[in-house]
Protein backbone atom coordinates (compact mmCIF):
# COMPACT_ATOMS: atom_id res chain seq x y z
CA UNK A 1 0.04 0.10 -0.10
CA UNK A 2 1.17 3.57 -1.00
CA UNK A 3 2.08 5.85 1.99
CA UNK A 4 -0.65 8.35 0.49
CA UNK A 5 -3.15 5.59 0.62
CA UNK A 6 -2.23 4.72 4.21
CA UNK A 7 -2.42 8.28 5.32
CA UNK A 8 -5.86 8.68 3.80
CA UNK A 9 -7.00 5.45 5.80
CA UNK A 10 -5.52 6.74 9.07
CA UNK A 11 -7.52 10.30 8.28
CA UNK A 12 -10.61 8.64 7.61
CA UNK A 13 -10.15 6.44 10.65
CA UNK A 14 -9.82 9.48 12.80
CA UNK A 15 -12.65 11.01 11.42
CA UNK A 16 -14.67 7.93 12.01
CA UNK A 17 -13.72 8.00 15.63
CA UNK A 18 -14.57 11.83 16.08
CA UNK A 19 -18.04 11.34 14.27
CA UNK A 20 -18.76 8.41 16.65
CA UNK A 21 -17.89 10.30 19.65
CA UNK A 22 -20.19 13.20 18.39
CA UNK A 23 -23.01 10.78 17.65
CA UNK A 24 -22.67 9.37 21.26
CA UNK A 25 -22.44 12.97 22.97
CA UNK A 26 -25.58 13.79 21.09
CA UNK A 27 -27.55 10.74 21.89
CA UNK A 28 -26.17 9.32 24.98
CA UNK A 29 -28.97 9.98 27.14
CA UNK A 30 -31.11 7.80 24.76
CA UNK A 31 -28.34 5.11 24.51
CA UNK A 32 -28.02 5.06 28.27
CA UNK A 33 -31.45 5.22 29.42
CA UNK A 34 -33.98 5.00 26.50
CA UNK A 35 -34.46 1.24 25.73
CA UNK A 36 -31.33 0.05 27.76
CA UNK A 37 -28.84 -2.30 26.22
CA UNK A 38 -30.97 -3.10 23.11
CA UNK A 39 -31.00 0.46 21.78
CA UNK A 40 -27.19 0.75 22.66
CA UNK A 41 -26.39 -2.35 20.48
CA UNK A 42 -28.66 -1.14 17.56
CA UNK A 43 -26.93 2.16 17.57
CA UNK A 44 -23.34 0.70 17.76
CA UNK A 45 -24.35 -1.74 14.77
CA UNK A 46 -25.45 1.25 12.85
CA UNK A 47 -22.17 3.31 13.50
CA UNK A 48 -19.94 0.31 12.81
CA UNK A 49 -22.04 -0.03 9.27
CA UNK A 50 -21.76 3.73 8.46
CA UNK A 51 -18.32 4.40 9.54
CA UNK A 52 -16.35 1.20 9.23
CA UNK A 53 -18.16 -1.27 6.90
CA UNK A 54 -19.20 0.90 4.20
CA UNK A 55 -15.99 3.12 3.77
CA UNK A 56 -14.22 -0.23 3.92
CA UNK A 57 -16.16 -1.71 1.01
CA UNK A 58 -15.62 1.39 -0.77
CA UNK A 59 -11.83 1.34 -0.13
CA UNK A 60 -11.82 -2.27 -1.44
CA UNK A 61 -13.75 -1.47 -4.58
CA UNK A 62 -11.23 1.25 -5.48
CA UNK A 63 -8.10 -1.05 -4.62
CA UNK A 64 -9.43 -3.79 -7.08
CA UNK A 65 -9.93 -1.55 -9.84
CA UNK A 66 -6.04 -1.65 -11.07
CA UNK A 67 -6.22 -5.56 -10.72
CA UNK A 68 -9.22 -5.98 -12.71
CA UNK A 69 -7.89 -3.79 -15.63
CA UNK A 70 -4.68 -5.72 -15.88
CA UNK A 71 -6.60 -9.00 -15.88
CA UNK A 72 -8.73 -7.91 -18.75
CA UNK A 73 -5.43 -7.10 -20.56
CA UNK A 74 -4.17 -10.41 -19.73
CA UNK A 75 -1.35 -9.17 -17.66
CA UNK A 76 -1.91 -11.83 -14.98
CA UNK A 77 1.38 -11.28 -13.16
CA UNK A 78 0.46 -7.58 -12.40
CA UNK A 79 -3.10 -8.48 -11.99
CA UNK A 80 -1.91 -10.80 -8.83
CA UNK A 81 0.72 -8.75 -7.49
CA UNK A 82 -0.05 -5.25 -8.63
CA UNK A 83 2.70 -2.73 -9.90
CA UNK A 84 4.10 -1.18 -6.43
CA UNK A 85 1.83 1.69 -6.60
CA UNK A 86 -1.53 -0.35 -7.18
CA UNK A 87 -2.52 -3.25 -5.43
CA UNK A 88 -3.11 -6.71 -7.00
CA UNK A 89 -5.77 -9.20 -6.26
CA UNK A 90 -3.69 -11.15 -3.79
CA UNK A 91 -3.17 -7.95 -1.70
CA UNK A 92 -6.89 -7.05 -1.85
CA UNK A 93 -7.98 -10.38 -1.02
CA UNK A 94 -5.46 -10.09 2.32
CA UNK A 95 -6.05 -6.71 3.17
CA UNK A 96 -10.06 -6.52 2.52
CA UNK A 97 -11.10 -9.70 3.88
CA UNK A 98 -15.19 -9.87 4.77
CA UNK A 99 -15.65 -7.57 1.88
CA UNK A 100 -17.39 -8.12 -1.45
CA UNK A 101 -14.30 -6.97 -3.29
CA UNK A 102 -11.93 -8.81 -0.93
CA UNK A 103 -14.01 -12.17 -1.71
CA UNK A 104 -14.05 -11.39 -5.53
CA UNK A 105 -10.47 -10.72 -5.61
CA UNK A 106 -9.80 -14.49 -4.53
CA UNK A 107 -11.94 -15.75 -7.49
CA UNK A 108 -9.81 -13.35 -9.84
CA UNK A 109 -6.51 -14.42 -8.13
CA UNK A 110 -7.66 -18.19 -8.81
CA UNK A 111 -8.36 -17.37 -12.38
CA UNK A 112 -5.18 -15.70 -12.94
CA UNK A 113 -3.06 -18.65 -11.63
CA UNK A 114 -5.27 -21.11 -13.68
CA UNK A 115 -4.45 -19.24 -16.82
CA UNK A 116 -0.78 -19.39 -15.98
CA UNK A 117 -1.22 -23.26 -15.36
CA UNK A 118 -0.55 -22.95 -11.48
CA UNK A 119 -3.55 -25.09 -10.60
CA UNK A 120 -2.64 -25.88 -6.99
CA UNK A 121 -2.44 -22.29 -6.22
CA UNK A 122 -5.65 -21.64 -8.09
CA UNK A 123 -7.47 -24.04 -5.81
CA UNK A 124 -6.06 -22.61 -2.74
CA UNK A 125 -7.41 -19.04 -3.70
CA UNK A 126 -10.80 -20.87 -4.51
CA UNK A 127 -10.80 -22.45 -1.00
CA UNK A 128 -10.83 -18.74 0.33
CA UNK A 129 -13.56 -17.81 -2.10
CA UNK A 130 -16.87 -17.90 0.07
CA UNK A 131 -19.29 -17.85 -2.95
CA UNK A 132 -21.81 -15.05 -3.83
CA UNK A 133 -24.92 -17.08 -3.45
CA UNK A 134 -26.03 -16.73 -6.96
CA UNK A 135 -26.61 -18.92 -10.03
CA UNK A 136 -23.79 -17.86 -12.01
CA UNK A 137 -20.55 -16.58 -10.26
CA UNK A 138 -20.56 -19.22 -7.59
CA UNK A 139 -20.91 -22.19 -9.89
CA UNK A 140 -18.50 -20.94 -12.35
CA UNK A 141 -16.04 -21.10 -9.42
CA UNK A 142 -16.83 -24.59 -8.39
CA UNK A 143 -16.41 -25.44 -12.18
CA UNK A 144 -12.93 -23.69 -12.08
CA UNK A 145 -11.96 -25.68 -9.15
CA UNK A 146 -13.00 -28.99 -10.84
CA UNK A 147 -11.03 -28.16 -13.82
CA UNK A 148 -7.92 -27.42 -11.72
CA UNK A 149 -8.21 -30.84 -10.21
CA UNK A 150 -8.65 -32.28 -13.59
CA UNK A 151 -5.42 -30.89 -14.88
CA UNK A 152 -3.80 -32.17 -11.35
CA UNK A 153 -5.03 -35.55 -12.49
CA UNK A 154 -7.54 -35.77 -9.71
CA UNK A 155 -10.30 -36.77 -12.08
CA UNK A 156 -12.82 -38.24 -9.31
CA UNK A 157 -12.54 -34.95 -7.45
CA UNK A 158 -12.90 -32.85 -10.68
CA UNK A 159 -16.13 -34.71 -11.79
CA UNK A 160 -17.65 -34.38 -8.44
CA UNK A 161 -17.19 -30.57 -8.45
CA UNK A 162 -18.26 -30.23 -12.05
CA UNK A 163 -21.50 -31.99 -10.98
CA UNK A 164 -22.01 -29.90 -8.17
CA UNK A 165 -21.51 -26.77 -10.24
CA UNK A 166 -24.02 -28.15 -12.95
CA UNK A 167 -26.67 -28.67 -10.05
CA UNK A 168 -25.92 -25.43 -8.48
CA UNK A 169 -26.22 -23.09 -11.43
CA UNK A 170 -29.13 -25.50 -13.23
CA UNK A 171 -29.00 -23.08 -16.11
CA UNK A 172 -28.63 -23.54 -19.93
CA UNK A 173 -25.07 -21.55 -19.81
CA UNK A 174 -23.12 -23.52 -17.20
CA UNK A 175 -24.70 -26.71 -16.30
CA UNK A 176 -24.51 -28.43 -19.82
CA UNK A 177 -20.83 -27.23 -20.10
CA UNK A 178 -20.04 -28.82 -16.57
CA UNK A 179 -22.17 -31.97 -17.44
CA UNK A 180 -20.39 -32.67 -20.74
CA UNK A 181 -16.79 -32.09 -18.94
CA UNK A 182 -17.90 -34.43 -16.25
CA UNK A 183 -19.18 -36.90 -18.78
CA UNK A 184 -16.04 -36.86 -20.74
CA UNK A 185 -14.18 -37.55 -17.44
CA UNK A 186 -16.27 -40.47 -16.37
CA UNK A 187 -15.99 -41.99 -19.95
CA UNK A 188 -11.91 -41.57 -19.75
CA UNK A 189 -12.41 -43.49 -16.51
CA UNK A 190 -14.40 -46.31 -17.99
CA UNK A 191 -17.65 -45.15 -16.24
CA UNK A 192 -19.73 -45.23 -19.22
CA UNK A 193 -23.01 -45.41 -17.16
CA UNK A 194 -22.40 -42.23 -15.30
CA UNK A 195 -21.11 -40.49 -18.61
CA UNK A 196 -24.33 -41.34 -20.41
CA UNK A 197 -26.43 -40.06 -17.36
CA UNK A 198 -24.54 -36.68 -17.75
CA UNK A 199 -25.14 -36.42 -21.48
CA UNK A 200 -28.86 -37.73 -20.97
CA UNK A 201 -29.40 -34.74 -18.56
CA UNK A 202 -28.32 -32.21 -21.24
CA UNK A 203 -30.71 -33.63 -23.51
CA UNK A 204 -33.58 -33.63 -21.35
CA UNK A 205 -33.23 -30.58 -19.24
CA UNK A 206 -31.17 -27.97 -21.25
CA UNK A 207 -32.79 -27.78 -24.54
CA UNK A 208 -31.96 -24.20 -24.88
CA UNK A 209 -28.43 -24.63 -24.64
CA UNK A 210 -26.07 -24.85 -27.73
CA UNK A 211 -24.69 -28.27 -26.61
CA UNK A 212 -28.21 -29.81 -27.05
CA UNK A 213 -27.60 -29.82 -30.79
CA UNK A 214 -24.22 -31.79 -30.29
CA UNK A 215 -25.12 -34.17 -27.28
CA UNK A 216 -26.36 -37.08 -29.29
CA UNK A 217 -22.82 -37.93 -30.94
CA UNK A 218 -21.72 -38.04 -27.29
CA UNK A 219 -24.80 -40.31 -26.22
CA UNK A 220 -24.08 -42.59 -29.32
CA UNK A 221 -20.25 -43.02 -28.99
CA UNK A 222 -20.99 -43.82 -24.99
CA UNK A 223 -23.39 -46.45 -26.00
CA UNK A 224 -21.18 -48.25 -28.72
C-alpha cells in the first residue's frame, strides 16, 4: 500500500472516531436510558456499518480496479501482485477480507493462477472464496476448481465438483458445459453409465443450450 493511501486511511479512521464520539455525545441519554442495552446495540451496529463497513467496502472497490484492468488485458502477473503503486488481487484479498471486493479478488486470483497453469495455487485461492449466493459466479468458481483438479490428475474430485456446479447453476449456460466435462471424465475412467447419465441430462433438461444440438453424438459414442 502507498504511503498516500495509508495516510488517507488513518485520516478517515480519525474522522470516524470523531463522528462516533459526536454521535454518542448527542444521543448518550437515549443510549444510556432510552431502551437500555438493546438500543445501544442497535446504535453501535449502525455506527459500525456507517463508519467502518461502508467505507471499507468502498476502499476495497477502489483498490481492486487496477487489478481488474490488468486481468482484462491478460497481464496476470500484475493482476495478481500489482505494480508497486497499485494493489493486485492477492493484496486486496488479504487486506480487505470480509468485503465483497476482497472475496471477489480471491476468485480473480484463482483465474489468474489457472491461466498461468498454477493449478494448486488456483485451488488454494478458490478455497478462500466464499461464494456469492448466485446461480452464475459461485457455480462457475466450483467448475473452475473442478477443472483445476482435472489438470492435476484428480479426475474423481474433478467430476464431483463439475456435477455440483451443474446442479447449483441449473441453467442453460453453465450446467450443460459442466455436465459435458464430467461426462468426458467419466468416459475416460471407463464409467460409461455415469457418462451417459450426464449426457442425457443435457438432452432432457437444457434444450435451450448450444450443446443440446451436439449431445447426441456423445450419447451414441458412449453406447457403442
